[in-house]
Amino acid sequence: MNFIYCDAVTHRLVDVLDERKKQFLCQHFDRYTLKARQQVKTITIDMSFPYIAFIKTYFPNAAIHIDKFHLVQALTRELNR
């Protein structure tokens, strides 16, 4: 699976990464300075909770949000059980 990220303000695609494993993500985001990563204000993720620890380390000032699509999808699955 790929890791896709975009700018939430402009909705422009920033990059599509071939991997979404933590080691690969760390390698990729290490290219950005800590100062640049500290300026990220919000990050929206799917329901993949392993990302949370990564985000807290690499983007310490970012608020983490679960995207609406995956939240509604999870709620719908539970209601249909």
C-alpha atoms as a PDB file:
ATOM      1  CA  MET A   1       0.000   0.000   0.000  1.00  0.00           C
ATOM      2  CA  ASN A   2       1.027   3.560  -0.598  1.00  0.00           C
ATOM      3  CA  PHE A   3       1.285   6.496   1.766  1.00  0.00           C
ATOM      4  CA  ILE A   4      -0.303   9.617   0.315  1.00  0.00           C
ATOM      5  CA  TYR A   5      -0.114  13.077   1.806  1.00  0.00           C
ATOM      6  CA  CYS A   6      -1.460  16.433   0.741  1.00  0.00           C
ATOM      7  CA  ASP A   7      -1.749  19.992   1.951  1.00  0.00           C
ATOM      8  CA  ALA A   8      -5.032  20.319   3.839  1.00  0.00           C
ATOM      9  CA  VAL A   9      -5.335  24.021   3.031  1.00  0.00           C
ATOM     10  CA  THR A  10      -4.693  23.921  -0.714  1.00  0.00           C
ATOM     11  CA  HIS A  11      -5.733  20.265  -1.201  1.00  0.00           C
ATOM     12  CA  ARG A  12      -2.649  19.822  -3.361  1.00  0.00           C
ATOM     13  CA  LEU A  13      -0.909  16.487  -3.436  1.00  0.00           C
ATOM     14  CA  VAL A  14       2.515  16.710  -1.801  1.00  0.00           C
ATOM     15  CA  ASP A  15       3.783  13.189  -2.431  1.00  0.00           C
ATOM     16  CA  VAL A  16       2.869   9.540  -2.906  1.00  0.00           C
ATOM     17  CA  LEU A  17       5.263   7.150  -1.211  1.00  0.00           C
ATOM     18  CA  ASP A  18       5.646   3.537  -2.270  1.00  0.00           C
ATOM     19  CA  GLU A  19       5.710   2.286   1.318  1.00  0.00           C
ATOM     20  CA  ARG A  20       3.863   3.070   4.506  1.00  0.00           C
ATOM     21  CA  LYS A  21       6.057   1.117   6.910  1.00  0.00           C
ATOM     22  CA  LYS A  22       7.404   3.147   9.814  1.00  0.00           C
ATOM     23  CA  GLN A  23      11.061   2.709   8.818  1.00  0.00           C
ATOM     24  CA  PHE A  24      10.384   4.066   5.328  1.00  0.00           C
ATOM     25  CA  LEU A  25       8.296   6.968   6.662  1.00  0.00           C
ATOM     26  CA  CYS A  26      11.026   7.902   9.146  1.00  0.00           C
ATOM     27  CA  GLN A  27      13.597   7.859   6.367  1.00  0.00           C
ATOM     28  CA  HIS A  28      11.399  10.045   4.176  1.00  0.00           C
ATOM     29  CA  PHE A  29      10.400  12.625   6.792  1.00  0.00           C
ATOM     30  CA  ASP A  30      13.956  12.873   8.152  1.00  0.00           C
ATOM     31  CA  ARG A  31      14.594  14.891   4.980  1.00  0.00           C
ATOM     32  CA  TYR A  32      12.620  17.722   6.572  1.00  0.00           C
ATOM     33  CA  THR A  33      14.144  19.659   9.438  1.00  0.00           C
ATOM     34  CA  LEU A  34      12.605  19.369  12.889  1.00  0.00           C
ATOM     35  CA  LYS A  35      11.790  23.072  12.671  1.00  0.00           C
ATOM     36  CA  ALA A  36       9.786  22.471   9.478  1.00  0.00           C
ATOM     37  CA  ARG A  37       8.003  19.457  10.989  1.00  0.00           C
ATOM     38  CA  GLN A  38       7.163  21.458  14.124  1.00  0.00           C
ATOM     39  CA  GLN A  39       5.223  23.894  11.939  1.00  0.00           C
ATOM     40  CA  VAL A  40       2.723  21.218  10.878  1.00  0.00           C
ATOM     41  CA  LYS A  41      -0.510  22.099  12.683  1.00  0.00           C
ATOM     42  CA  THR A  42      -2.870  19.218  11.909  1.00  0.00           C
ATOM     43  CA  ILE A  43      -2.628  15.726  10.495  1.00  0.00           C
ATOM     44  CA  THR A  44      -5.645  13.736   9.388  1.00  0.00           C
ATOM     45  CA  ILE A  45      -5.224   9.964   9.287  1.00  0.00           C
ATOM     46  CA  ASP A  46      -7.311   6.898   8.583  1.00  0.00           C
ATOM     47  CA  MET A  47      -8.053   4.486  11.408  1.00  0.00           C
ATOM     48  CA  SER A  48      -4.489   3.142  11.330  1.00  0.00           C
ATOM     49  CA  PHE A  49      -3.536   3.808  14.929  1.00  0.00           C
ATOM     50  CA  PRO A  50       0.154   2.790  14.610  1.00  0.00           C
ATOM     51  CA  TYR A  51       0.629   6.140  12.857  1.00  0.00           C
ATOM     52  CA  ILE A  52      -0.152   8.030  16.065  1.00  0.00           C
ATOM     53  CA  ALA A  53       3.190   7.300  17.786  1.00  0.00           C
ATOM     54  CA  PHE A  54       5.033   8.164  14.580  1.00  0.00           C
ATOM     55  CA  ILE A  55       3.147  11.458  14.233  1.00  0.00           C
ATOM     56  CA  LYS A  56       3.764  12.435  17.862  1.00  0.00           C
ATOM     57  CA  THR A  57       7.494  11.891  17.349  1.00  0.00           C
ATOM     58  CA  TYR A  58       7.913  13.470  13.926  1.00  0.00           C
ATOM     59  CA  PHE A  59       5.268  16.206  14.139  1.00  0.00           C
ATOM     60  CA  PRO A  60       5.172  17.058  17.863  1.00  0.00           C
ATOM     61  CA  ASN A  61       2.966  20.147  17.524  1.00  0.00           C
ATOM     62  CA  ALA A  62       0.379  18.619  15.185  1.00  0.00           C
ATOM     63  CA  ALA A  63      -3.155  17.850  16.290  1.00  0.00           C
ATOM     64  CA  ILE A  64      -4.234  14.401  15.094  1.00  0.00           C
ATOM     65  CA  HIS A  65      -7.672  13.909  13.527  1.00  0.00           C
ATOM     66  CA  ILE A  66      -9.350  10.764  12.205  1.00  0.00           C
ATOM     67  CA  ASP A  67     -10.824  11.404   8.761  1.00  0.00           C
ATOM     68  CA  LYS A  68     -14.612  11.395   8.529  1.00  0.00           C
ATOM     69  CA  PHE A  69     -14.836   8.709   5.860  1.00  0.00           C
ATOM     70  CA  HIS A  70     -13.047   6.075   7.917  1.00  0.00           C
ATOM     71  CA  LEU A  71     -14.832   7.105  11.105  1.00  0.00           C
ATOM     72  CA  VAL A  72     -18.268   6.751   9.491  1.00  0.00           C
ATOM     73  CA  GLN A  73     -17.187   3.477   7.873  1.00  0.00           C
ATOM     74  CA  ALA A  74     -16.169   2.027  11.262  1.00  0.00           C
ATOM     75  CA  LEU A  75     -19.396   3.202  12.908  1.00  0.00           C
ATOM     76  CA  THR A  76     -21.491   1.732  10.092  1.00  0.00           C
ATOM     77  CA  ARG A  77     -19.730  -1.623  10.410  1.00  0.00           C
ATOM     78  CA  GLU A  78     -20.423  -1.694  14.139  1.00  0.00           C
ATOM     79  CA  LEU A  79     -24.074  -0.749  13.712  1.00  0.00           C
ATOM     80  CA  ASN A  80     -24.553  -3.480  11.110  1.00  0.00           C
ATOM     81  CA  ARG A  81     -23.110  -6.220  13.340  1.00  0.00           C
END
